[in-house]
Protein backbone atom coordinates (compact mmCIF):
# COMPACT_ATOMS: atom_id res chain seq x y z
CA MET A 1 -19.82 -15.29 -4.96
CA HIS A 2 -16.92 -18.25 -5.52
CA ASP A 3 -15.54 -15.96 -7.95
CA GLN A 4 -15.08 -13.21 -5.51
CA TRP A 5 -13.71 -15.75 -2.87
CA GLU A 6 -10.60 -16.43 -5.84
CA SER A 7 -9.36 -13.49 -6.95
CA THR A 8 -8.99 -12.66 -2.77
CA ILE A 9 -7.20 -15.61 -2.41
CA VAL A 10 -4.99 -14.76 -5.34
CA ALA A 11 -4.52 -11.60 -4.05
CA LEU A 12 -3.67 -12.49 -0.61
CA ASP A 13 -1.72 -15.20 -2.43
CA ARG A 14 0.26 -12.39 -4.01
CA LEU A 15 1.00 -9.80 -1.84
CA MET A 16 2.73 -12.93 1.23
CA THR A 17 4.91 -13.38 -1.98
CA GLU A 18 5.93 -9.60 -1.96
CA VAL A 19 6.48 -9.62 1.89
CA GLU A 20 8.29 -12.81 1.56
CA ASN A 21 10.68 -11.02 -1.42
CA ALA A 22 11.09 -8.13 0.75
CA ALA A 23 11.55 -9.83 3.62
CA THR A 24 14.68 -11.99 1.79
CA ALA A 25 15.88 -8.87 0.51
CA SER A 26 16.37 -7.74 3.28
CA ALA A 27 18.16 -10.41 5.19
CA PHE A 28 19.98 -11.02 2.09
CA GLU A 29 21.42 -7.04 2.78
CA GLN A 30 21.69 -6.84 6.44
CA GLN A 31 24.28 -9.83 5.76
């Protein structure tokens, strides 16, 4: 159970990083 939570948190963390990178790239392109 603990391991499942840990992997879920890691996956969410990676997803957030991907979203931030995409948003940054998008904002950069618009300037």
